[in-house]
Protein backbone atom coordinates (compact mmCIF):
# COMPACT_ATOMS: atom_id res chain seq x y z
CA UNK A 1 -25.04 -13.53 40.83
CA UNK A 2 -25.07 -15.48 37.25
CA UNK A 3 -25.12 -19.30 37.74
CA UNK A 4 -25.16 -19.55 41.48
CA UNK A 5 -25.05 -23.55 41.44
CA UNK A 6 -22.39 -23.60 39.34
CA UNK A 7 -20.35 -21.33 42.14
CA UNK A 8 -22.02 -23.04 45.03
CA UNK A 9 -20.29 -26.05 43.54
CA UNK A 10 -17.11 -24.56 42.59
CA UNK A 11 -16.78 -23.62 46.40
CA UNK A 12 -17.71 -27.34 47.70
CA UNK A 13 -15.54 -28.75 44.83
CA UNK A 14 -12.25 -26.50 46.05
CA UNK A 15 -13.38 -27.45 49.45
CA UNK A 16 -13.21 -31.30 49.16
CA UNK A 17 -9.86 -30.54 46.54
CA UNK A 18 -8.09 -29.23 49.61
CA UNK A 19 -9.18 -32.21 51.70
CA UNK A 20 -8.02 -34.80 49.33
CA UNK A 21 -4.51 -32.83 49.21
CA UNK A 22 -4.01 -33.21 52.66
CA UNK A 23 -4.59 -36.80 52.21
CA UNK A 24 -1.66 -37.46 49.81
CA UNK A 25 -4.23 -37.35 46.51
CA UNK A 26 -3.28 -34.84 43.87
CA UNK A 27 -6.43 -33.43 43.09
CA UNK A 28 -8.05 -31.23 40.38
CA UNK A 29 -10.86 -29.21 39.72
CA UNK A 30 -12.69 -28.82 36.24
CA UNK A 31 -15.39 -27.02 35.08
CA UNK A 32 -16.65 -29.67 32.62
CA UNK A 33 -15.98 -32.96 31.37
CA UNK A 34 -14.32 -31.28 28.30
CA UNK A 35 -12.61 -29.35 30.78
CA UNK A 36 -11.11 -32.50 32.41
CA UNK A 37 -10.01 -34.51 29.25
CA UNK A 38 -7.81 -31.33 28.50
CA UNK A 39 -6.61 -30.97 31.80
CA UNK A 40 -5.42 -34.77 31.22
CA UNK A 41 -4.19 -34.60 27.59
CA UNK A 42 -2.38 -31.31 28.34
CA UNK A 43 -1.12 -31.64 32.37
CA UNK A 44 -1.62 -34.62 33.67
CA UNK A 45 -0.46 -37.72 30.93
CA UNK A 46 2.54 -35.74 30.11
CA UNK A 47 3.78 -35.47 33.82
CA UNK A 48 3.45 -39.06 34.20
CA UNK A 49 5.23 -39.99 30.99
CA UNK A 50 3.10 -43.00 30.52
CA UNK A 51 3.64 -45.42 27.82
CA UNK A 52 0.66 -47.62 28.73
CA UNK A 53 -2.69 -46.80 29.38
CA UNK A 54 -5.96 -48.87 30.42
CA UNK A 55 -9.09 -47.90 32.17
CA UNK A 56 -11.83 -49.12 34.41
CA UNK A 57 -15.59 -49.08 33.73
CA UNK A 58 -16.97 -45.50 34.30
CA UNK A 59 -19.69 -43.25 32.98
CA UNK A 60 -18.19 -40.45 33.70
CA UNK A 61 -14.54 -41.48 32.60
CA UNK A 62 -16.76 -42.21 29.16
CA UNK A 63 -18.51 -38.65 29.16
CA UNK A 64 -14.84 -37.19 29.21
CA UNK A 65 -14.57 -38.20 25.26
CA UNK A 66 -11.08 -39.71 26.60
CA UNK A 67 -11.51 -43.30 25.46
CA UNK A 68 -11.13 -42.45 21.53
CA UNK A 69 -8.26 -39.91 22.38
CA UNK A 70 -6.10 -42.41 24.22
CA UNK A 71 -6.43 -45.66 21.72
CA UNK A 72 -5.26 -43.08 18.77
CA UNK A 73 -2.42 -41.62 20.80
CA UNK A 74 0.66 -42.68 18.88
CA UNK A 75 2.74 -42.71 22.32
CA UNK A 76 0.28 -44.73 23.92
CA UNK A 77 -0.24 -48.15 24.11
CA UNK A 78 -3.89 -48.20 24.83
CA UNK A 79 -5.18 -52.07 26.82
CA UNK A 80 -8.99 -51.53 26.09
CA UNK A 81 -10.87 -53.81 28.20
CA UNK A 82 -14.49 -52.86 27.20
CA UNK A 83 -13.66 -54.01 23.21
CA UNK A 84 -16.92 -55.06 21.61
CA UNK A 85 -17.08 -58.33 20.13
CA UNK A 86 -14.20 -59.50 22.21
CA UNK A 87 -14.85 -62.55 23.84
CA UNK A 88 -15.53 -62.55 27.51
CA UNK A 89 -12.56 -64.56 28.47
CA UNK A 90 -10.01 -62.01 26.29
CA UNK A 91 -11.51 -59.23 27.95
CA UNK A 92 -11.02 -60.39 31.49
CA UNK A 93 -7.25 -61.20 30.76
CA UNK A 94 -7.06 -57.66 29.67
CA UNK A 95 -8.36 -56.72 33.02
CA UNK A 96 -5.63 -58.19 34.62
CA UNK A 97 -2.73 -56.96 32.13
CA UNK A 98 -4.11 -53.51 32.62
CA UNK A 99 -3.12 -53.75 36.46
CA UNK A 100 0.43 -53.32 35.01
CA UNK A 101 -0.33 -50.36 33.06
CA UNK A 102 1.52 -47.22 33.64
CA UNK A 103 -1.35 -45.00 34.07
CA UNK A 104 -5.10 -46.39 34.93
CA UNK A 105 -7.98 -44.23 34.62
CA UNK A 106 -11.51 -44.96 35.92
CA UNK A 107 -14.37 -43.37 38.30
CA UNK A 108 -15.36 -43.11 41.69
CA UNK A 109 -18.44 -44.31 42.97
CA UNK A 110 -18.19 -41.70 46.14
CA UNK A 111 -16.07 -38.92 47.52
CA UNK A 112 -16.15 -38.05 50.94
CA UNK A 113 -16.07 -34.26 52.20
CA UNK A 114 -13.19 -35.07 54.01
CA UNK A 115 -11.12 -36.55 51.21
CA UNK A 116 -11.75 -40.14 50.78
CA UNK A 117 -12.55 -42.46 47.63
CA UNK A 118 -15.40 -45.02 48.50
CA UNK A 119 -15.88 -47.57 45.66
CA UNK A 120 -18.07 -50.88 45.28
CA UNK A 121 -17.18 -53.27 42.24
CA UNK A 122 -18.76 -56.53 40.90
CA UNK A 123 -15.44 -57.89 39.38
CA UNK A 124 -13.05 -56.18 41.44
CA UNK A 125 -10.60 -54.83 38.32
CA UNK A 126 -11.43 -51.39 39.10
CA UNK A 127 -10.69 -51.24 42.73
CA UNK A 128 -7.82 -53.19 42.68
CA UNK A 129 -6.11 -51.18 40.61
CA UNK A 130 -6.84 -48.37 42.29
CA UNK A 131 -5.15 -50.01 45.61
CA UNK A 132 -2.03 -51.47 43.89
CA UNK A 133 -0.45 -52.02 40.26
CA UNK A 134 -0.64 -49.42 37.99
CA UNK A 135 1.83 -46.76 38.41
CA UNK A 136 -0.45 -43.69 38.26
CA UNK A 137 -4.39 -43.94 38.90
CA UNK A 138 -6.68 -40.76 37.50
CA UNK A 139 -10.05 -40.72 39.04
CA UNK A 140 -12.87 -39.05 37.74
CA UNK A 141 -15.79 -37.69 39.69
CA UNK A 142 -18.49 -35.51 38.96
CA UNK A 143 -20.29 -33.20 41.36
CA UNK A 144 -23.32 -35.38 42.38
CA UNK A 145 -20.61 -37.83 43.95
CA UNK A 146 -19.60 -35.72 46.65
CA UNK A 147 -21.12 -37.32 49.89
CA UNK A 148 -20.73 -36.30 53.39
CA UNK A 149 -19.08 -39.04 55.34
CA UNK A 150 -18.18 -42.80 54.48
CA UNK A 151 -21.47 -43.94 56.01
CA UNK A 152 -23.32 -41.18 53.42
CA UNK A 153 -21.16 -42.75 50.66
CA UNK A 154 -22.00 -46.02 51.59
CA UNK A 155 -25.84 -45.17 51.68
CA UNK A 156 -25.93 -43.49 48.34
CA UNK A 157 -23.76 -46.33 46.44
CA UNK A 158 -25.98 -48.92 47.78
CA UNK A 159 -29.73 -47.60 47.38
CA UNK A 160 -29.13 -45.36 44.53
CA UNK A 161 -25.56 -45.92 42.09
CA UNK A 162 -25.89 -49.74 42.22
CA UNK A 163 -29.32 -50.39 41.83
CA UNK A 164 -29.35 -47.97 38.96
CA UNK A 165 -26.69 -49.39 37.12
CA UNK A 166 -28.03 -52.74 37.61
CA UNK A 167 -31.04 -51.33 35.85
CA UNK A 168 -28.47 -49.94 33.18
CA UNK A 169 -27.37 -53.18 32.51
CA UNK A 170 -30.11 -55.29 32.64
CA UNK A 171 -28.92 -57.47 35.48
CA UNK A 172 -31.56 -60.10 37.21
CA UNK A 173 -31.14 -58.73 40.55
CA UNK A 174 -33.56 -57.81 43.14
CA UNK A 175 -32.79 -54.20 43.15
CA UNK A 176 -34.04 -53.97 39.65
CA UNK A 177 -37.83 -54.49 41.06
CA UNK A 178 -37.41 -52.78 44.23
CA UNK A 179 -35.04 -49.78 43.78
CA UNK A 180 -33.13 -50.69 46.94
CA UNK A 181 -30.39 -52.88 47.98
CA UNK A 182 -31.51 -56.20 49.29
CA UNK A 183 -28.27 -57.97 50.18
CA UNK A 184 -28.99 -60.35 47.71
CA UNK A 185 -27.51 -63.86 46.64
CA UNK A 186 -27.98 -63.17 42.88
CA UNK A 187 -25.20 -64.67 40.43
CA UNK A 188 -25.39 -61.48 38.57
CA UNK A 189 -24.78 -59.02 41.86
CA UNK A 190 -22.74 -56.35 40.70
CA UNK A 191 -21.88 -55.59 44.53
CA UNK A 192 -19.02 -57.66 45.48
CA UNK A 193 -15.73 -55.16 46.70
CA UNK A 194 -15.59 -52.50 48.64
CA UNK A 195 -12.62 -50.28 48.89
CA UNK A 196 -11.93 -46.63 50.65
CA UNK A 197 -9.26 -45.40 49.87
CA UNK A 198 -8.30 -43.11 52.68
CA UNK A 199 -5.00 -42.01 51.44
CA UNK A 200 -3.01 -42.07 48.35
CA UNK A 201 0.37 -44.25 48.71
CA UNK A 202 2.56 -43.05 47.17
CA UNK A 203 1.82 -39.52 47.44
CA UNK A 204 0.53 -38.44 44.48
CA UNK A 205 0.17 -41.82 42.93
CA UNK A 206 -3.77 -40.99 42.52
CA UNK A 207 -4.88 -38.16 41.39
CA UNK A 208 -8.49 -36.96 41.41
CA UNK A 209 -10.00 -34.88 38.81
CA UNK A 210 -13.21 -33.32 40.37
CA UNK A 211 -15.63 -31.63 37.44
CA UNK A 212 -18.36 -29.06 37.96
CA UNK A 213 -21.06 -31.10 36.56
CA UNK A 214 -23.12 -34.05 37.17
CA UNK A 215 -21.60 -37.16 35.52
CA UNK A 216 -22.61 -41.17 35.85
CA UNK A 217 -24.12 -42.31 38.82
């Protein structure tokens, strides 16, 4: 068999897609980040009829190349909450405004095999938008984000994704030195708000695009 690893993950992702759909998410599987971007622009975005769009911090979303595509779309008003050389106070205000966007795009820290989204946030704007506010939410998740269950997902986040993210962002937290969560009290702690999204309400408000590549942390 050619590409057995990709075939293996194709089967796994199809099963997670089915589980997500049973939990009222609208779910898709894309082979690559580029395919995920095309899925968003060709199918998902037109169906939402969105006029305003914003996004939360996500390496997976950035990997799709959609940031510039959305900023340049003539039919969309894009609210960039990470624009360089913008004062922090202005970016924070944009993140508040983003909670009223027609469409919000982000990633997931983990997706369970039973179709739940597990996220841990520093500021809270990303998990807040997933829970309530934007009319439509699209979550991009690489195959490496799949976890057996909520407990496994939380362990993955605490002892891998969060420490590596802290390293990437040059945070002064204990996990940067130890590689594991130390339940710290650091002022730069990035682990502040958990959300476990069991189901999408209303049905199909949250759309999940599973990608058959290792993306993000």
